Amino acid sequence: MSVSVQSRYSGSIGSLPWNVALGIVDIRGVDTASLQPALVSLAASVVADEQDKRERLARRMGAFGTYFAANNCRSPLGAQFEAMQRKETPRGSGLVQALLLLEMSTGLLMGAQDAAAIKGELLCDVATQGETFRGMRNEVQCQEGELVLRDSESIIAALFQGPDHRTRLKKETKDVVFFVFSVPGITVNEVQEGIEAVRALFQGACAEISAQLYESGTHG
């Protein structure tokens, strides 16, 4: 089944110094009540992960941390993982909890946004100098060359800045799209693993689910 939210890469993606892999998982008709037991199980597994898996997750989170730091930003993954190890329950709606738990169980940075609010085809692109969009709380400025996702109206997400306000998850959101991001040091296979983790969590808790893996292939 092909993904409902379609995407393509701009020619500018070739300027980024890695094979840019992007996973998109489009989930329709989410039943949050049915999702809850799966969230409880996933949370328990994150806390109970064995040492070898923790080391693998730490390496992935470290790749994001290094790339963010090189661009004067801070990856959210490290602090989230420490909170999980203190057995602090993720806050927010079921979809927000799903996002955080999926990140912690895979070591990969993800995004989750309201699929119904996305307009037209997505373009995976890089930001130009001074480019801005309305973030969750206020107007945010992208870094020149920052990986961004655009729909037909505006930027809906940026790697360092996060999601926009228009396509944010809402209380009534039933159709959600998950993005699985990559940075230097994260392989295509690891992004595919992230896609499968999303599918596994929502299987049985939605009406329809489809996924697609994109890669630029420009840096092997």
N, C-alpha and C. Protein backbone atom coordinates (compact mmCIF):
# COMPACT_ATOMS: atom_id res chain seq x y z
N MET A 1 0.85 -1.19 0.00
CA MET A 1 0.00 0.00 0.00
C MET A 1 0.89 1.24 0.00
N SER A 2 0.66 2.16 -0.88
CA SER A 2 1.46 3.37 -0.94
C SER A 2 0.98 4.36 0.11
N VAL A 3 1.92 5.20 0.57
CA VAL A 3 1.59 6.17 1.60
C VAL A 3 0.66 7.24 1.03
N SER A 4 -0.31 7.67 1.83
CA SER A 4 -1.27 8.68 1.37
C SER A 4 -0.63 10.06 1.32
N VAL A 5 0.21 10.38 2.33
CA VAL A 5 0.94 11.64 2.33
C VAL A 5 2.16 11.46 1.44
N GLN A 6 2.15 12.07 0.27
CA GLN A 6 3.22 11.90 -0.70
C GLN A 6 4.31 12.94 -0.50
N SER A 7 5.54 12.55 -0.81
CA SER A 7 6.67 13.44 -0.63
C SER A 7 7.65 13.29 -1.78
N ARG A 8 8.48 14.30 -1.96
CA ARG A 8 9.58 14.22 -2.91
C ARG A 8 10.72 15.09 -2.38
N TYR A 9 11.90 14.88 -2.94
CA TYR A 9 13.09 15.64 -2.52
C TYR A 9 13.35 16.78 -3.51
N SER A 10 13.81 17.89 -2.98
CA SER A 10 14.24 18.99 -3.84
C SER A 10 15.67 18.73 -4.30
N GLY A 11 16.09 19.43 -5.32
CA GLY A 11 17.46 19.30 -5.79
C GLY A 11 18.47 19.78 -4.76
N SER A 12 18.04 20.65 -3.85
CA SER A 12 18.94 21.21 -2.85
C SER A 12 19.35 20.20 -1.78
N ILE A 13 18.61 19.09 -1.67
CA ILE A 13 18.95 18.08 -0.67
C ILE A 13 20.36 17.54 -0.90
N GLY A 14 20.81 17.56 -2.12
CA GLY A 14 22.16 17.08 -2.42
C GLY A 14 23.26 17.88 -1.74
N SER A 15 22.92 19.06 -1.21
CA SER A 15 23.93 19.87 -0.51
C SER A 15 24.20 19.36 0.90
N LEU A 16 23.33 18.50 1.41
CA LEU A 16 23.52 17.96 2.76
C LEU A 16 24.54 16.82 2.72
N PRO A 17 25.37 16.71 3.77
CA PRO A 17 26.54 15.82 3.71
C PRO A 17 26.28 14.37 4.06
N TRP A 18 25.11 13.84 3.74
CA TRP A 18 24.85 12.42 3.97
C TRP A 18 23.70 11.98 3.07
N ASN A 19 23.55 10.68 2.97
CA ASN A 19 22.42 10.12 2.24
C ASN A 19 21.18 10.34 3.09
N VAL A 20 20.40 11.35 2.76
CA VAL A 20 19.28 11.77 3.60
C VAL A 20 18.14 10.77 3.48
N ALA A 21 17.93 10.00 4.54
CA ALA A 21 16.83 9.04 4.59
C ALA A 21 15.69 9.66 5.39
N LEU A 22 14.48 9.49 4.91
CA LEU A 22 13.29 10.01 5.58
C LEU A 22 12.20 8.95 5.53
N GLY A 23 11.70 8.57 6.70
CA GLY A 23 10.59 7.64 6.76
C GLY A 23 9.29 8.39 7.00
N ILE A 24 8.25 8.00 6.28
CA ILE A 24 6.92 8.60 6.47
C ILE A 24 5.93 7.47 6.72
N VAL A 25 5.22 7.55 7.84
CA VAL A 25 4.18 6.57 8.17
C VAL A 25 2.87 7.31 8.33
N ASP A 26 1.93 7.00 7.47
CA ASP A 26 0.63 7.68 7.44
C ASP A 26 -0.40 6.76 8.10
N ILE A 27 -1.01 7.24 9.18
CA ILE A 27 -1.92 6.42 9.98
C ILE A 27 -3.29 7.09 10.02
N ARG A 28 -4.32 6.36 9.62
CA ARG A 28 -5.67 6.92 9.53
C ARG A 28 -6.60 6.23 10.53
N GLY A 29 -7.48 7.03 11.11
CA GLY A 29 -8.49 6.50 12.01
C GLY A 29 -7.93 5.90 13.29
N VAL A 30 -7.07 6.65 13.98
CA VAL A 30 -6.47 6.15 15.22
C VAL A 30 -7.52 6.02 16.31
N ASP A 31 -7.51 4.88 16.99
CA ASP A 31 -8.38 4.63 18.15
C ASP A 31 -7.48 4.71 19.39
N THR A 32 -7.52 5.84 20.09
CA THR A 32 -6.60 6.05 21.20
C THR A 32 -6.84 5.07 22.36
N ALA A 33 -8.09 4.63 22.51
CA ALA A 33 -8.37 3.65 23.57
C ALA A 33 -7.67 2.33 23.28
N SER A 34 -7.71 1.90 22.03
CA SER A 34 -7.03 0.66 21.64
C SER A 34 -5.52 0.80 21.68
N LEU A 35 -5.03 2.04 21.50
CA LEU A 35 -3.60 2.29 21.51
C LEU A 35 -3.00 2.21 22.91
N GLN A 36 -3.79 2.51 23.94
CA GLN A 36 -3.27 2.66 25.29
C GLN A 36 -2.52 1.43 25.82
N PRO A 37 -3.04 0.20 25.66
CA PRO A 37 -2.28 -0.96 26.16
C PRO A 37 -0.92 -1.11 25.49
N ALA A 38 -0.85 -0.79 24.21
CA ALA A 38 0.42 -0.86 23.50
C ALA A 38 1.41 0.18 24.03
N LEU A 39 0.91 1.35 24.41
CA LEU A 39 1.78 2.38 24.98
C LEU A 39 2.35 1.93 26.33
N VAL A 40 1.50 1.33 27.15
CA VAL A 40 1.95 0.84 28.46
C VAL A 40 3.04 -0.21 28.29
N SER A 41 2.83 -1.11 27.34
CA SER A 41 3.81 -2.17 27.08
C SER A 41 5.13 -1.60 26.56
N LEU A 42 5.04 -0.62 25.65
CA LEU A 42 6.26 -0.03 25.09
C LEU A 42 7.02 0.74 26.15
N ALA A 43 6.33 1.45 27.01
CA ALA A 43 6.99 2.19 28.09
C ALA A 43 7.76 1.24 29.00
N ALA A 44 7.16 0.12 29.33
CA ALA A 44 7.83 -0.87 30.19
C ALA A 44 9.06 -1.44 29.52
N SER A 45 8.98 -1.66 28.20
CA SER A 45 10.11 -2.24 27.49
C SER A 45 11.27 -1.26 27.39
N VAL A 46 10.99 0.04 27.28
CA VAL A 46 12.05 1.04 27.21
C VAL A 46 12.85 1.04 28.50
N VAL A 47 12.17 0.99 29.63
CA VAL A 47 12.85 1.00 30.93
C VAL A 47 13.65 -0.28 31.14
N ALA A 48 13.14 -1.39 30.61
CA ALA A 48 13.76 -2.70 30.85
C ALA A 48 14.77 -3.11 29.79
N ASP A 49 15.08 -2.24 28.84
CA ASP A 49 16.00 -2.60 27.75
C ASP A 49 17.33 -3.12 28.28
N GLU A 50 17.85 -4.14 27.63
CA GLU A 50 19.13 -4.71 28.03
C GLU A 50 20.28 -3.79 27.63
N GLN A 51 21.46 -4.05 28.21
CA GLN A 51 22.60 -3.17 28.04
C GLN A 51 23.00 -3.00 26.58
N ASP A 52 23.00 -4.10 25.81
CA ASP A 52 23.43 -3.98 24.41
C ASP A 52 22.51 -3.09 23.60
N LYS A 53 21.20 -3.16 23.89
CA LYS A 53 20.27 -2.28 23.17
C LYS A 53 20.44 -0.85 23.63
N ARG A 54 20.70 -0.63 24.92
CA ARG A 54 20.92 0.74 25.40
C ARG A 54 22.13 1.36 24.72
N GLU A 55 23.16 0.55 24.51
CA GLU A 55 24.36 1.07 23.85
C GLU A 55 24.05 1.44 22.40
N ARG A 56 23.23 0.64 21.74
CA ARG A 56 22.83 0.95 20.36
C ARG A 56 21.99 2.22 20.31
N LEU A 57 21.07 2.36 21.25
CA LEU A 57 20.26 3.58 21.30
C LEU A 57 21.12 4.79 21.59
N ALA A 58 22.08 4.62 22.50
CA ALA A 58 22.96 5.73 22.86
C ALA A 58 23.79 6.19 21.66
N ARG A 59 24.24 5.24 20.83
CA ARG A 59 25.00 5.61 19.65
C ARG A 59 24.14 6.43 18.69
N ARG A 60 22.90 6.01 18.49
CA ARG A 60 22.01 6.74 17.59
C ARG A 60 21.70 8.14 18.14
N MET A 61 21.35 8.20 19.42
CA MET A 61 21.07 9.50 20.01
C MET A 61 22.30 10.39 19.96
N GLY A 62 23.48 9.78 20.11
CA GLY A 62 24.72 10.54 20.03
C GLY A 62 24.93 11.14 18.65
N ALA A 63 24.53 10.41 17.60
CA ALA A 63 24.66 10.94 16.24
C ALA A 63 23.80 12.20 16.07
N PHE A 64 22.58 12.14 16.60
CA PHE A 64 21.72 13.33 16.54
C PHE A 64 22.31 14.46 17.39
N GLY A 65 22.78 14.10 18.59
CA GLY A 65 23.35 15.11 19.47
C GLY A 65 24.54 15.81 18.84
N THR A 66 25.41 15.05 18.19
CA THR A 66 26.60 15.61 17.57
C THR A 66 26.24 16.56 16.43
N TYR A 67 25.29 16.13 15.59
CA TYR A 67 24.91 16.96 14.45
C TYR A 67 24.20 18.23 14.91
N PHE A 68 23.32 18.11 15.89
CA PHE A 68 22.65 19.28 16.43
C PHE A 68 23.67 20.25 17.03
N ALA A 69 24.59 19.72 17.83
CA ALA A 69 25.59 20.57 18.49
C ALA A 69 26.47 21.29 17.47
N ALA A 70 26.80 20.61 16.37
CA ALA A 70 27.62 21.23 15.32
C ALA A 70 26.90 22.40 14.67
N ASN A 71 25.57 22.42 14.83
CA ASN A 71 24.76 23.51 14.27
C ASN A 71 24.19 24.40 15.37
N ASN A 72 24.87 24.40 16.53
CA ASN A 72 24.50 25.25 17.67
C ASN A 72 23.07 25.01 18.16
N CYS A 73 22.64 23.75 18.10
CA CYS A 73 21.33 23.37 18.60
C CYS A 73 21.48 22.20 19.56
N ARG A 74 20.41 21.87 20.24
CA ARG A 74 20.44 20.78 21.21
C ARG A 74 19.38 19.75 20.85
N SER A 75 19.80 18.52 20.67
CA SER A 75 18.85 17.44 20.39
C SER A 75 18.04 17.15 21.65
N PRO A 76 16.73 16.93 21.49
CA PRO A 76 15.88 16.64 22.66
C PRO A 76 16.00 15.20 23.15
N LEU A 77 16.66 14.33 22.40
CA LEU A 77 16.61 12.91 22.71
C LEU A 77 17.28 12.55 24.03
N GLY A 78 18.42 13.15 24.31
CA GLY A 78 19.16 12.80 25.52
C GLY A 78 18.37 13.04 26.79
N ALA A 79 17.77 14.22 26.92
CA ALA A 79 17.00 14.55 28.12
C ALA A 79 15.77 13.66 28.24
N GLN A 80 15.15 13.35 27.10
CA GLN A 80 13.98 12.47 27.13
C GLN A 80 14.35 11.07 27.63
N PHE A 81 15.50 10.58 27.16
CA PHE A 81 15.93 9.24 27.56
C PHE A 81 16.23 9.18 29.05
N GLU A 82 16.90 10.21 29.56
CA GLU A 82 17.19 10.27 31.00
C GLU A 82 15.91 10.26 31.82
N ALA A 83 14.89 10.98 31.36
CA ALA A 83 13.61 11.01 32.07
C ALA A 83 12.96 9.63 32.07
N MET A 84 13.06 8.92 30.95
CA MET A 84 12.50 7.57 30.89
C MET A 84 13.21 6.63 31.84
N GLN A 85 14.52 6.76 31.94
CA GLN A 85 15.27 5.89 32.85
C GLN A 85 14.95 6.19 34.30
N ARG A 86 14.47 7.39 34.57
CA ARG A 86 13.99 7.73 35.94
C ARG A 86 12.54 7.29 36.12
N LYS A 87 12.02 6.60 35.10
CA LYS A 87 10.66 6.07 35.10
C LYS A 87 9.61 7.18 35.17
N GLU A 88 9.94 8.33 34.55
CA GLU A 88 8.98 9.42 34.45
C GLU A 88 8.08 9.16 33.26
N THR A 89 6.79 9.11 33.47
CA THR A 89 5.84 8.81 32.41
C THR A 89 5.72 9.98 31.45
N PRO A 90 5.82 9.73 30.13
CA PRO A 90 5.64 10.82 29.16
C PRO A 90 4.27 11.48 29.33
N ARG A 91 4.24 12.79 29.22
CA ARG A 91 2.99 13.53 29.36
C ARG A 91 2.38 13.80 27.99
N GLY A 92 1.11 14.17 28.03
CA GLY A 92 0.43 14.55 26.80
C GLY A 92 -0.59 13.52 26.36
N SER A 93 -1.15 13.76 25.19
CA SER A 93 -2.15 12.86 24.62
C SER A 93 -1.52 11.52 24.27
N GLY A 94 -2.36 10.56 23.90
CA GLY A 94 -1.85 9.27 23.49
C GLY A 94 -0.90 9.36 22.31
N LEU A 95 -1.18 10.26 21.36
CA LEU A 95 -0.32 10.41 20.20
C LEU A 95 1.02 11.03 20.58
N VAL A 96 1.00 11.99 21.49
CA VAL A 96 2.26 12.59 21.95
C VAL A 96 3.08 11.56 22.71
N GLN A 97 2.44 10.78 23.56
CA GLN A 97 3.14 9.71 24.28
C GLN A 97 3.73 8.71 23.29
N ALA A 98 2.97 8.37 22.25
CA ALA A 98 3.46 7.44 21.24
C ALA A 98 4.73 7.97 20.59
N LEU A 99 4.74 9.24 20.25
CA LEU A 99 5.92 9.85 19.63
C LEU A 99 7.14 9.72 20.54
N LEU A 100 6.99 10.12 21.79
CA LEU A 100 8.12 10.09 22.72
C LEU A 100 8.62 8.68 22.98
N LEU A 101 7.70 7.74 23.14
CA LEU A 101 8.09 6.36 23.41
C LEU A 101 8.76 5.72 22.19
N LEU A 102 8.28 6.05 21.01
CA LEU A 102 8.91 5.53 19.80
C LEU A 102 10.32 6.07 19.64
N GLU A 103 10.52 7.33 19.95
CA GLU A 103 11.87 7.90 19.90
C GLU A 103 12.78 7.19 20.89
N MET A 104 12.28 6.95 22.09
CA MET A 104 13.09 6.34 23.13
C MET A 104 13.36 4.86 22.88
N SER A 105 12.47 4.19 22.19
CA SER A 105 12.65 2.76 21.92
C SER A 105 13.53 2.50 20.70
N THR A 106 13.74 3.53 19.87
CA THR A 106 14.55 3.38 18.66
C THR A 106 15.82 4.22 18.66
N GLY A 107 15.86 5.27 19.49
CA GLY A 107 16.99 6.18 19.49
C GLY A 107 17.00 7.13 18.31
N LEU A 108 15.86 7.25 17.63
CA LEU A 108 15.76 8.07 16.43
C LEU A 108 14.85 9.27 16.67
N LEU A 109 15.21 10.40 16.09
CA LEU A 109 14.37 11.59 16.15
C LEU A 109 13.20 11.43 15.19
N MET A 110 12.01 11.67 15.70
CA MET A 110 10.81 11.55 14.89
C MET A 110 9.95 12.80 15.04
N GLY A 111 8.94 12.88 14.21
CA GLY A 111 7.93 13.92 14.33
C GLY A 111 6.57 13.28 14.12
N ALA A 112 5.53 13.87 14.71
CA ALA A 112 4.17 13.39 14.51
C ALA A 112 3.27 14.60 14.34
N GLN A 113 2.52 14.65 13.23
CA GLN A 113 1.70 15.81 12.92
C GLN A 113 0.36 15.38 12.34
N ASP A 114 -0.58 16.31 12.35
CA ASP A 114 -1.94 16.03 11.91
C ASP A 114 -1.97 15.90 10.39
N ALA A 115 -2.19 14.67 9.91
CA ALA A 115 -2.16 14.42 8.46
C ALA A 115 -3.25 15.18 7.73
N ALA A 116 -4.40 15.37 8.38
CA ALA A 116 -5.52 16.05 7.73
C ALA A 116 -5.22 17.53 7.48
N ALA A 117 -4.25 18.09 8.21
CA ALA A 117 -3.93 19.51 8.07
C ALA A 117 -2.86 19.77 7.01
N ILE A 118 -2.25 18.72 6.49
CA ILE A 118 -1.22 18.88 5.48
C ILE A 118 -1.87 19.16 4.12
N LYS A 119 -1.35 20.16 3.43
CA LYS A 119 -1.93 20.59 2.15
C LYS A 119 -1.05 20.14 0.99
N GLY A 120 -1.56 19.24 0.18
CA GLY A 120 -0.84 18.83 -1.02
C GLY A 120 0.36 17.94 -0.73
N GLU A 121 1.26 17.90 -1.71
CA GLU A 121 2.45 17.06 -1.62
C GLU A 121 3.50 17.71 -0.72
N LEU A 122 4.25 16.87 0.00
CA LEU A 122 5.34 17.36 0.82
C LEU A 122 6.62 17.45 -0.01
N LEU A 123 7.43 18.46 0.30
CA LEU A 123 8.73 18.62 -0.31
C LEU A 123 9.78 18.59 0.79
N CYS A 124 10.70 17.64 0.71
CA CYS A 124 11.83 17.60 1.63
C CYS A 124 12.91 18.49 1.03
N ASP A 125 13.29 19.53 1.77
CA ASP A 125 14.09 20.61 1.19
C ASP A 125 15.07 21.13 2.23
N VAL A 126 15.84 22.13 1.87
CA VAL A 126 16.68 22.84 2.82
C VAL A 126 16.23 24.30 2.90
N ALA A 127 16.33 24.86 4.09
CA ALA A 127 15.87 26.24 4.31
C ALA A 127 16.85 27.23 3.70
N THR A 128 16.30 28.34 3.25
CA THR A 128 17.13 29.44 2.75
C THR A 128 17.41 30.41 3.89
N GLN A 129 18.36 31.29 3.69
CA GLN A 129 18.76 32.24 4.72
C GLN A 129 17.58 33.12 5.14
N GLY A 130 17.34 33.20 6.46
CA GLY A 130 16.30 34.06 7.01
C GLY A 130 14.90 33.50 6.92
N GLU A 131 14.74 32.28 6.46
CA GLU A 131 13.40 31.72 6.29
C GLU A 131 12.77 31.41 7.64
N THR A 132 11.48 31.71 7.77
CA THR A 132 10.78 31.52 9.04
C THR A 132 9.46 30.77 8.82
N PHE A 133 8.92 30.25 9.93
CA PHE A 133 7.56 29.69 9.91
C PHE A 133 7.01 29.78 11.32
N ARG A 134 5.70 29.61 11.45
CA ARG A 134 5.07 29.69 12.76
C ARG A 134 5.26 28.36 13.49
N GLY A 135 6.04 28.37 14.54
CA GLY A 135 6.28 27.18 15.33
C GLY A 135 5.15 26.93 16.31
N MET A 136 5.37 26.03 17.23
CA MET A 136 4.33 25.67 18.19
C MET A 136 3.91 26.85 19.05
N ARG A 137 4.86 27.74 19.37
CA ARG A 137 4.54 28.87 20.26
C ARG A 137 4.68 30.23 19.59
N ASN A 138 5.62 30.36 18.69
CA ASN A 138 5.84 31.65 18.04
C ASN A 138 6.55 31.45 16.71
N GLU A 139 6.86 32.55 16.06
CA GLU A 139 7.58 32.50 14.80
C GLU A 139 9.02 32.06 15.06
N VAL A 140 9.50 31.09 14.28
CA VAL A 140 10.86 30.60 14.46
C VAL A 140 11.63 30.78 13.15
N GLN A 141 12.93 30.99 13.29
CA GLN A 141 13.78 31.18 12.10
C GLN A 141 14.63 29.94 11.89
N CYS A 142 14.60 29.45 10.69
CA CYS A 142 15.40 28.28 10.34
C CYS A 142 16.85 28.68 10.12
N GLN A 143 17.74 27.74 10.28
CA GLN A 143 19.11 27.96 9.88
C GLN A 143 19.24 27.76 8.37
N GLU A 144 20.11 28.52 7.76
CA GLU A 144 20.35 28.32 6.34
C GLU A 144 20.87 26.90 6.13
N GLY A 145 20.26 26.16 5.22
CA GLY A 145 20.68 24.80 4.94
C GLY A 145 20.05 23.75 5.85
N GLU A 146 19.15 24.16 6.76
CA GLU A 146 18.50 23.22 7.66
C GLU A 146 17.49 22.37 6.89
N LEU A 147 17.43 21.08 7.20
CA LEU A 147 16.45 20.20 6.57
C LEU A 147 15.04 20.61 6.99
N VAL A 148 14.16 20.80 6.03
CA VAL A 148 12.78 21.20 6.31
C VAL A 148 11.82 20.37 5.47
N LEU A 149 10.58 20.30 5.93
CA LEU A 149 9.49 19.70 5.17
C LEU A 149 8.48 20.79 4.86
N ARG A 150 8.10 20.90 3.61
CA ARG A 150 7.13 21.91 3.18
C ARG A 150 5.92 21.22 2.57
N ASP A 151 4.73 21.80 2.81
CA ASP A 151 3.58 21.40 2.01
C ASP A 151 3.29 22.54 1.05
N SER A 152 2.12 22.55 0.44
CA SER A 152 1.85 23.57 -0.58
C SER A 152 1.68 24.96 0.01
N GLU A 153 1.55 25.08 1.33
CA GLU A 153 1.36 26.40 1.95
C GLU A 153 2.61 26.95 2.61
N SER A 154 3.36 26.10 3.32
CA SER A 154 4.47 26.61 4.13
C SER A 154 5.32 25.46 4.66
N ILE A 155 6.38 25.80 5.39
CA ILE A 155 7.16 24.81 6.12
C ILE A 155 6.28 24.22 7.22
N ILE A 156 6.25 22.90 7.34
CA ILE A 156 5.48 22.27 8.42
C ILE A 156 6.39 21.67 9.48
N ALA A 157 7.67 21.51 9.18
CA ALA A 157 8.60 20.96 10.17
C ALA A 157 10.02 21.29 9.74
N ALA A 158 10.89 21.47 10.74
CA ALA A 158 12.31 21.70 10.49
C ALA A 158 13.09 20.82 11.46
N LEU A 159 14.20 20.29 11.00
CA LEU A 159 14.96 19.32 11.81
C LEU A 159 15.32 19.88 13.18
N PHE A 160 15.84 21.11 13.22
CA PHE A 160 16.27 21.70 14.49
C PHE A 160 15.13 22.40 15.23
N GLN A 161 14.17 22.96 14.49
CA GLN A 161 13.14 23.80 15.10
C GLN A 161 11.87 23.04 15.48
N GLY A 162 11.65 21.85 14.90
CA GLY A 162 10.46 21.07 15.24
C GLY A 162 9.28 21.38 14.34
N PRO A 163 8.07 21.01 14.78
CA PRO A 163 6.87 21.13 13.94
C PRO A 163 6.29 22.54 13.93
N ASP A 164 5.41 22.77 12.98
CA ASP A 164 4.72 24.06 12.92
C ASP A 164 3.42 24.00 13.74
N HIS A 165 2.74 25.13 13.80
CA HIS A 165 1.51 25.24 14.58
C HIS A 165 0.31 24.69 13.82
N ARG A 166 0.26 24.93 12.51
CA ARG A 166 -0.92 24.54 11.73
C ARG A 166 -1.16 23.03 11.72
N THR A 167 -0.09 22.24 11.63
CA THR A 167 -0.26 20.79 11.54
C THR A 167 0.06 20.07 12.86
N ARG A 168 0.04 20.82 13.94
CA ARG A 168 0.32 20.20 15.25
C ARG A 168 -0.74 19.15 15.59
N LEU A 169 -0.38 18.24 16.47
CA LEU A 169 -1.35 17.27 16.95
C LEU A 169 -2.38 17.97 17.83
N LYS A 170 -3.64 17.67 17.60
CA LYS A 170 -4.72 18.27 18.37
C LYS A 170 -5.47 17.18 19.13
N LYS A 171 -6.30 17.60 20.05
CA LYS A 171 -7.07 16.64 20.84
C LYS A 171 -7.93 15.77 19.95
N GLU A 172 -8.43 16.35 18.86
CA GLU A 172 -9.35 15.62 17.99
C GLU A 172 -8.64 14.90 16.83
N THR A 173 -7.32 14.97 16.77
CA THR A 173 -6.58 14.34 15.66
C THR A 173 -6.81 12.83 15.63
N LYS A 174 -7.23 12.34 14.48
CA LYS A 174 -7.42 10.91 14.26
C LYS A 174 -6.53 10.37 13.14
N ASP A 175 -6.10 11.28 12.27
CA ASP A 175 -5.20 10.91 11.18
C ASP A 175 -3.85 11.57 11.44
N VAL A 176 -2.82 10.76 11.59
CA VAL A 176 -1.51 11.29 11.99
C VAL A 176 -0.44 10.77 11.05
N VAL A 177 0.55 11.61 10.77
CA VAL A 177 1.69 11.19 9.98
C VAL A 177 2.94 11.27 10.86
N PHE A 178 3.70 10.20 10.88
CA PHE A 178 4.97 10.15 11.60
C PHE A 178 6.11 10.32 10.61
N PHE A 179 7.10 11.12 10.99
CA PHE A 179 8.32 11.28 10.22
C PHE A 179 9.47 10.68 11.02
N VAL A 180 10.31 9.90 10.36
CA VAL A 180 11.52 9.35 10.97
C VAL A 180 12.71 10.01 10.29
N PHE A 181 13.48 10.79 11.05
CA PHE A 181 14.55 11.61 10.48
C PHE A 181 15.90 10.91 10.56
N SER A 182 16.83 11.40 9.76
CA SER A 182 18.21 10.92 9.81
C SER A 182 19.16 12.10 9.85
N VAL A 183 20.37 11.82 10.31
CA VAL A 183 21.49 12.76 10.30
C VAL A 183 22.73 11.95 9.95
N PRO A 184 23.89 12.57 9.75
CA PRO A 184 25.09 11.77 9.50
C PRO A 184 25.30 10.73 10.61
N GLY A 185 25.55 9.49 10.21
CA GLY A 185 25.74 8.41 11.17
C GLY A 185 24.52 7.54 11.37
N ILE A 186 23.37 7.98 10.85
CA ILE A 186 22.14 7.17 10.91
C ILE A 186 21.91 6.57 9.53
N THR A 187 21.80 5.25 9.48
CA THR A 187 21.71 4.56 8.20
C THR A 187 20.27 4.45 7.70
N VAL A 188 20.15 4.12 6.43
CA VAL A 188 18.83 3.88 5.85
C VAL A 188 18.14 2.72 6.56
N ASN A 189 18.89 1.68 6.89
CA ASN A 189 18.30 0.54 7.59
C ASN A 189 17.77 0.93 8.97
N GLU A 190 18.43 1.85 9.63
CA GLU A 190 17.95 2.30 10.93
C GLU A 190 16.67 3.10 10.80
N VAL A 191 16.56 3.91 9.76
CA VAL A 191 15.31 4.63 9.51
C VAL A 191 14.19 3.64 9.20
N GLN A 192 14.51 2.60 8.44
CA GLN A 192 13.52 1.56 8.18
C GLN A 192 13.06 0.89 9.47
N GLU A 193 14.00 0.66 10.39
CA GLU A 193 13.64 0.10 11.69
C GLU A 193 12.67 1.01 12.43
N GLY A 194 12.90 2.32 12.32
CA GLY A 194 11.99 3.27 12.94
C GLY A 194 10.60 3.19 12.35
N ILE A 195 10.53 3.06 11.03
CA ILE A 195 9.23 2.91 10.36
C ILE A 195 8.50 1.68 10.88
N GLU A 196 9.21 0.57 10.99
CA GLU A 196 8.59 -0.66 11.45
C GLU A 196 8.13 -0.55 12.89
N ALA A 197 8.86 0.20 13.71
CA ALA A 197 8.45 0.40 15.10
C ALA A 197 7.13 1.16 15.18
N VAL A 198 6.98 2.18 14.33
CA VAL A 198 5.72 2.94 14.29
C VAL A 198 4.58 2.02 13.86
N ARG A 199 4.81 1.27 12.80
CA ARG A 199 3.77 0.37 12.30
C ARG A 199 3.35 -0.63 13.37
N ALA A 200 4.33 -1.20 14.08
CA ALA A 200 4.03 -2.21 15.09
C ALA A 200 3.20 -1.64 16.23
N LEU A 201 3.50 -0.40 16.63
CA LEU A 201 2.77 0.20 17.74
C LEU A 201 1.31 0.45 17.39
N PHE A 202 1.06 0.91 16.16
CA PHE A 202 -0.30 1.32 15.78
C PHE A 202 -1.10 0.20 15.12
N GLN A 203 -0.46 -0.89 14.78
CA GLN A 203 -1.19 -1.99 14.17
C GLN A 203 -2.28 -2.47 15.13
N GLY A 204 -3.51 -2.51 14.68
CA GLY A 204 -4.61 -2.90 15.54
C GLY A 204 -5.26 -1.75 16.28
N ALA A 205 -4.68 -0.54 16.14
CA ALA A 205 -5.24 0.63 16.81
C ALA A 205 -5.59 1.73 15.81
N CYS A 206 -5.78 1.35 14.54
CA CYS A 206 -6.12 2.33 13.52
C CYS A 206 -6.88 1.63 12.40
N ALA A 207 -7.48 2.44 11.54
CA ALA A 207 -8.24 1.89 10.41
C ALA A 207 -7.34 1.54 9.24
N GLU A 208 -6.26 2.31 9.07
CA GLU A 208 -5.38 2.12 7.91
C GLU A 208 -4.00 2.67 8.22
N ILE A 209 -2.98 1.96 7.74
CA ILE A 209 -1.61 2.42 7.95
C ILE A 209 -0.79 2.12 6.71
N SER A 210 0.02 3.08 6.29
CA SER A 210 0.88 2.90 5.12
C SER A 210 2.19 3.63 5.37
N ALA A 211 3.22 3.22 4.67
CA ALA A 211 4.54 3.78 4.95
C ALA A 211 5.38 3.84 3.69
N GLN A 212 6.37 4.72 3.73
CA GLN A 212 7.30 4.87 2.61
C GLN A 212 8.65 5.32 3.16
N LEU A 213 9.72 4.78 2.59
CA LEU A 213 11.09 5.20 2.92
C LEU A 213 11.66 5.94 1.73
N TYR A 214 12.12 7.16 1.96
CA TYR A 214 12.76 7.96 0.93
C TYR A 214 14.25 8.09 1.26
N GLU A 215 15.08 8.21 0.24
CA GLU A 215 16.49 8.52 0.46
C GLU A 215 17.03 9.29 -0.72
N SER A 216 17.95 10.19 -0.41
CA SER A 216 18.50 11.04 -1.47
C SER A 216 19.50 10.27 -2.33
N GLY A 217 20.25 9.37 -1.71
CA GLY A 217 21.21 8.57 -2.45
C GLY A 217 22.40 9.36 -2.97
N THR A 218 22.52 10.63 -2.57
CA THR A 218 23.56 11.48 -3.14
C THR A 218 24.93 11.27 -2.52
N HIS A 219 24.94 10.61 -1.35
CA HIS A 219 26.25 10.43 -0.69
C HIS A 219 26.49 8.98 -0.33
N GLY A 220 25.84 8.07 -1.05
CA GLY A 220 26.10 6.64 -0.90
C GLY A 220 25.68 6.06 0.42
